[in-house]
C-alpha atoms as a PDB file:
ATOM      1  CA  UNK A   1     101.614 175.092 200.783  1.00  0.00           C
ATOM      2  CA  UNK A   2      99.360 177.852 201.981  1.00  0.00           C
ATOM      3  CA  UNK A   3      95.851 177.358 203.249  1.00  0.00           C
ATOM      4  CA  UNK A   4      94.436 179.290 200.285  1.00  0.00           C
ATOM      5  CA  UNK A   5      96.322 177.131 197.735  1.00  0.00           C
ATOM      6  CA  UNK A   6      95.112 173.985 199.470  1.00  0.00           C
ATOM      7  CA  UNK A   7      91.472 175.117 199.226  1.00  0.00           C
ATOM      8  CA  UNK A   8      91.841 176.000 195.524  1.00  0.00           C
ATOM      9  CA  UNK A   9      93.475 172.618 194.884  1.00  0.00           C
ATOM     10  CA  UNK A  10      90.644 170.790 196.706  1.00  0.00           C
ATOM     11  CA  UNK A  11      88.011 172.694 194.726  1.00  0.00           C
ATOM     12  CA  UNK A  12      89.741 171.860 191.424  1.00  0.00           C
ATOM     13  CA  UNK A  13      90.064 168.161 192.376  1.00  0.00           C
ATOM     14  CA  UNK A  14      86.393 168.092 193.468  1.00  0.00           C
ATOM     15  CA  UNK A  15      85.275 169.543 190.154  1.00  0.00           C
ATOM     16  CA  UNK A  16      87.439 167.077 188.236  1.00  0.00           C
ATOM     17  CA  UNK A  17      86.141 164.074 190.192  1.00  0.00           C
ATOM     18  CA  UNK A  18      82.539 165.218 189.854  1.00  0.00           C
ATOM     19  CA  UNK A  19      82.908 165.854 186.117  1.00  0.00           C
ATOM     20  CA  UNK A  20      84.483 162.443 185.534  1.00  0.00           C
ATOM     21  CA  UNK A  21      81.724 160.691 187.456  1.00  0.00           C
ATOM     22  CA  UNK A  22      78.862 162.394 185.630  1.00  0.00           C
ATOM     23  CA  UNK A  23      77.385 160.352 182.832  1.00  0.00           C
ATOM     24  CA  UNK A  24      75.901 162.298 179.989  1.00  0.00           C
ATOM     25  CA  UNK A  25      72.783 160.673 178.657  1.00  0.00           C
ATOM     26  CA  UNK A  26      72.192 161.254 174.977  1.00  0.00           C
ATOM     27  CA  UNK A  27      68.742 160.901 173.568  1.00  0.00           C
ATOM     28  CA  UNK A  28      67.959 160.760 169.928  1.00  0.00           C
ATOM     29  CA  UNK A  29      64.471 161.325 168.663  1.00  0.00           C
ATOM     30  CA  UNK A  30      63.644 159.468 165.500  1.00  0.00           C
ATOM     31  CA  UNK A  31      60.476 160.316 163.678  1.00  0.00           C
ATOM     32  CA  UNK A  32      59.054 157.308 161.898  1.00  0.00           C
ATOM     33  CA  UNK A  33      56.307 157.406 159.315  1.00  0.00           C
ATOM     34  CA  UNK A  34      52.857 156.682 160.734  1.00  0.00           C
ATOM     35  CA  UNK A  35      51.280 153.294 160.238  1.00  0.00           C
ATOM     36  CA  UNK A  36      47.852 152.869 158.692  1.00  0.00           C
ATOM     37  CA  UNK A  37      46.532 151.769 162.085  1.00  0.00           C
ATOM     38  CA  UNK A  38      47.779 155.013 163.678  1.00  0.00           C
ATOM     39  CA  UNK A  39      46.251 157.194 160.954  1.00  0.00           C
ATOM     40  CA  UNK A  40      42.934 155.334 161.059  1.00  0.00           C
ATOM     41  CA  UNK A  41      42.857 155.524 164.868  1.00  0.00           C
ATOM     42  CA  UNK A  42      43.105 159.317 164.588  1.00  0.00           C
ATOM     43  CA  UNK A  43      40.673 159.541 161.660  1.00  0.00           C
ATOM     44  CA  UNK A  44      38.650 156.438 160.839  1.00  0.00           C
ATOM     45  CA  UNK A  45      37.543 158.099 157.571  1.00  0.00           C
ATOM     46  CA  UNK A  46      41.109 158.580 156.293  1.00  0.00           C
ATOM     47  CA  UNK A  47      41.481 157.545 152.648  1.00  0.00           C
ATOM     48  CA  UNK A  48      44.770 155.616 152.406  1.00  0.00           C
ATOM     49  CA  UNK A  49      46.888 153.929 149.763  1.00  0.00           C
ATOM     50  CA  UNK A  50      50.236 152.128 150.111  1.00  0.00           C
ATOM     51  CA  UNK A  51      52.826 152.080 147.330  1.00  0.00           C
ATOM     52  CA  UNK A  52      56.516 151.101 147.607  1.00  0.00           C
ATOM     53  CA  UNK A  53      56.185 150.656 151.406  1.00  0.00           C
ATOM     54  CA  UNK A  54      55.012 154.264 151.760  1.00  0.00           C
ATOM     55  CA  UNK A  55      51.580 155.185 153.073  1.00  0.00           C
ATOM     56  CA  UNK A  56      49.720 157.899 151.149  1.00  0.00           C
ATOM     57  CA  UNK A  57      46.641 159.867 152.178  1.00  0.00           C
ATOM     58  CA  UNK A  58      44.197 162.000 150.195  1.00  0.00           C
ATOM     59  CA  UNK A  59      41.799 164.806 151.131  1.00  0.00           C
ATOM     60  CA  UNK A  60      44.590 167.033 152.462  1.00  0.00           C
ATOM     61  CA  UNK A  61      43.633 170.626 151.652  1.00  0.00           C
ATOM     62  CA  UNK A  62      47.050 171.977 150.655  1.00  0.00           C
ATOM     63  CA  UNK A  63      47.775 168.876 148.550  1.00  0.00           C
ATOM     64  CA  UNK A  64      44.432 169.242 146.760  1.00  0.00           C
ATOM     65  CA  UNK A  65      45.522 172.790 145.794  1.00  0.00           C
ATOM     66  CA  UNK A  66      48.728 171.568 144.111  1.00  0.00           C
ATOM     67  CA  UNK A  67      48.921 171.761 140.338  1.00  0.00           C
ATOM     68  CA  UNK A  68      50.410 168.391 139.414  1.00  0.00           C
ATOM     69  CA  UNK A  69      50.014 166.249 136.335  1.00  0.00           C
ATOM     70  CA  UNK A  70      49.897 162.501 135.878  1.00  0.00           C
ATOM     71  CA  UNK A  71      53.115 160.963 134.674  1.00  0.00           C
ATOM     72  CA  UNK A  72      53.698 157.215 134.491  1.00  0.00           C
ATOM     73  CA  UNK A  73      51.376 154.457 135.600  1.00  0.00           C
ATOM     74  CA  UNK A  74      53.146 152.755 138.522  1.00  0.00           C
ATOM     75  CA  UNK A  75      50.588 150.070 139.220  1.00  0.00           C
ATOM     76  CA  UNK A  76      47.025 149.312 140.181  1.00  0.00           C
ATOM     77  CA  UNK A  77      45.268 148.828 143.490  1.00  0.00           C
ATOM     78  CA  UNK A  78      45.484 145.080 144.068  1.00  0.00           C
ATOM     79  CA  UNK A  79      43.629 144.638 147.345  1.00  0.00           C
ATOM     80  CA  UNK A  80      41.209 146.371 149.660  1.00  0.00           C
ATOM     81  CA  UNK A  81      42.020 146.913 153.331  1.00  0.00           C
ATOM     82  CA  UNK A  82      39.771 145.360 155.916  1.00  0.00           C
ATOM     83  CA  UNK A  83      39.682 145.874 159.665  1.00  0.00           C
ATOM     84  CA  UNK A  84      42.417 143.958 161.454  1.00  0.00           C
ATOM     85  CA  UNK A  85      44.581 143.543 158.362  1.00  0.00           C
ATOM     86  CA  UNK A  86      48.068 144.920 157.908  1.00  0.00           C
ATOM     87  CA  UNK A  87      48.367 147.488 155.142  1.00  0.00           C
ATOM     88  CA  UNK A  88      50.580 146.248 152.319  1.00  0.00           C
ATOM     89  CA  UNK A  89      51.781 147.523 148.957  1.00  0.00           C
ATOM     90  CA  UNK A  90      49.110 148.392 146.395  1.00  0.00           C
ATOM     91  CA  UNK A  91      46.416 148.158 149.056  1.00  0.00           C
ATOM     92  CA  UNK A  92      43.812 150.861 149.678  1.00  0.00           C
ATOM     93  CA  UNK A  93      40.888 151.271 152.001  1.00  0.00           C
ATOM     94  CA  UNK A  94      38.591 153.449 149.832  1.00  0.00           C
ATOM     95  CA  UNK A  95      39.741 152.894 146.255  1.00  0.00           C
ATOM     96  CA  UNK A  96      38.333 150.077 144.134  1.00  0.00           C
ATOM     97  CA  UNK A  97      40.646 147.186 143.245  1.00  0.00           C
ATOM     98  CA  UNK A  98      41.988 147.715 139.728  1.00  0.00           C
ATOM     99  CA  UNK A  99      42.251 151.517 140.019  1.00  0.00           C
ATOM    100  CA  UNK A 100      45.368 152.776 138.225  1.00  0.00           C
ATOM    101  CA  UNK A 101      48.027 154.624 140.246  1.00  0.00           C
ATOM    102  CA  UNK A 102      50.175 157.329 138.615  1.00  0.00           C
ATOM    103  CA  UNK A 103      53.314 159.181 139.615  1.00  0.00           C
ATOM    104  CA  UNK A 104      53.357 162.957 139.077  1.00  0.00           C
ATOM    105  CA  UNK A 105      55.775 164.963 136.947  1.00  0.00           C
ATOM    106  CA  UNK A 106      56.228 167.719 139.516  1.00  0.00           C
ATOM    107  CA  UNK A 107      56.581 165.905 142.861  1.00  0.00           C
ATOM    108  CA  UNK A 108      57.894 162.585 144.152  1.00  0.00           C
ATOM    109  CA  UNK A 109      55.672 162.667 147.237  1.00  0.00           C
ATOM    110  CA  UNK A 110      52.320 162.913 145.432  1.00  0.00           C
ATOM    111  CA  UNK A 111      50.491 160.205 143.504  1.00  0.00           C
ATOM    112  CA  UNK A 112      47.321 160.483 141.449  1.00  0.00           C
ATOM    113  CA  UNK A 113      44.520 157.974 140.998  1.00  0.00           C
ATOM    114  CA  UNK A 114      41.533 158.455 138.724  1.00  0.00           C
ATOM    115  CA  UNK A 115      38.147 157.099 139.738  1.00  0.00           C
ATOM    116  CA  UNK A 116      35.184 157.606 137.399  1.00  0.00           C
ATOM    117  CA  UNK A 117      36.955 160.522 135.704  1.00  0.00           C
ATOM    118  CA  UNK A 118      37.813 162.257 138.990  1.00  0.00           C
ATOM    119  CA  UNK A 119      41.475 162.624 139.971  1.00  0.00           C
ATOM    120  CA  UNK A 120      42.480 162.233 143.603  1.00  0.00           C
ATOM    121  CA  UNK A 121      45.893 163.328 144.875  1.00  0.00           C
ATOM    122  CA  UNK A 122      47.590 161.212 147.524  1.00  0.00           C
ATOM    123  CA  UNK A 123      50.393 162.606 149.678  1.00  0.00           C
ATOM    124  CA  UNK A 124      53.203 160.470 151.164  1.00  0.00           C
ATOM    125  CA  UNK A 125      53.044 160.330 154.954  1.00  0.00           C
ATOM    126  CA  UNK A 126      56.748 160.372 155.748  1.00  0.00           C
ATOM    127  CA  UNK A 127      56.773 161.592 159.378  1.00  0.00           C
ATOM    128  CA  UNK A 128      54.809 160.719 162.451  1.00  0.00           C
END
């Protein structure tokens, strides 16, 4: 075996050994929906509603511009959020208890509530 062949063989073996010993670390980023506590920490005036384990927020400019119509009544606000509580279904922090909640014909991620004749559109917060 020539000197040159021996060097090439050693380089190939070195690469093989190094490649086999290297552990590849995979990371996977998962984006979870924000919690009410996270949203309220960022904006303590956020107007929130929870329906079907999904948190909704109103007063979002582009959502307010949407042309959507009320569809079916899906429930009523059953409880009001207070500091230190955990948000639960049919709970809101700025909507009176008893307020009707409607789905919309055009979008699955927007709900409508009507308070004193004024409609408010709530958008599902699906990513953090």
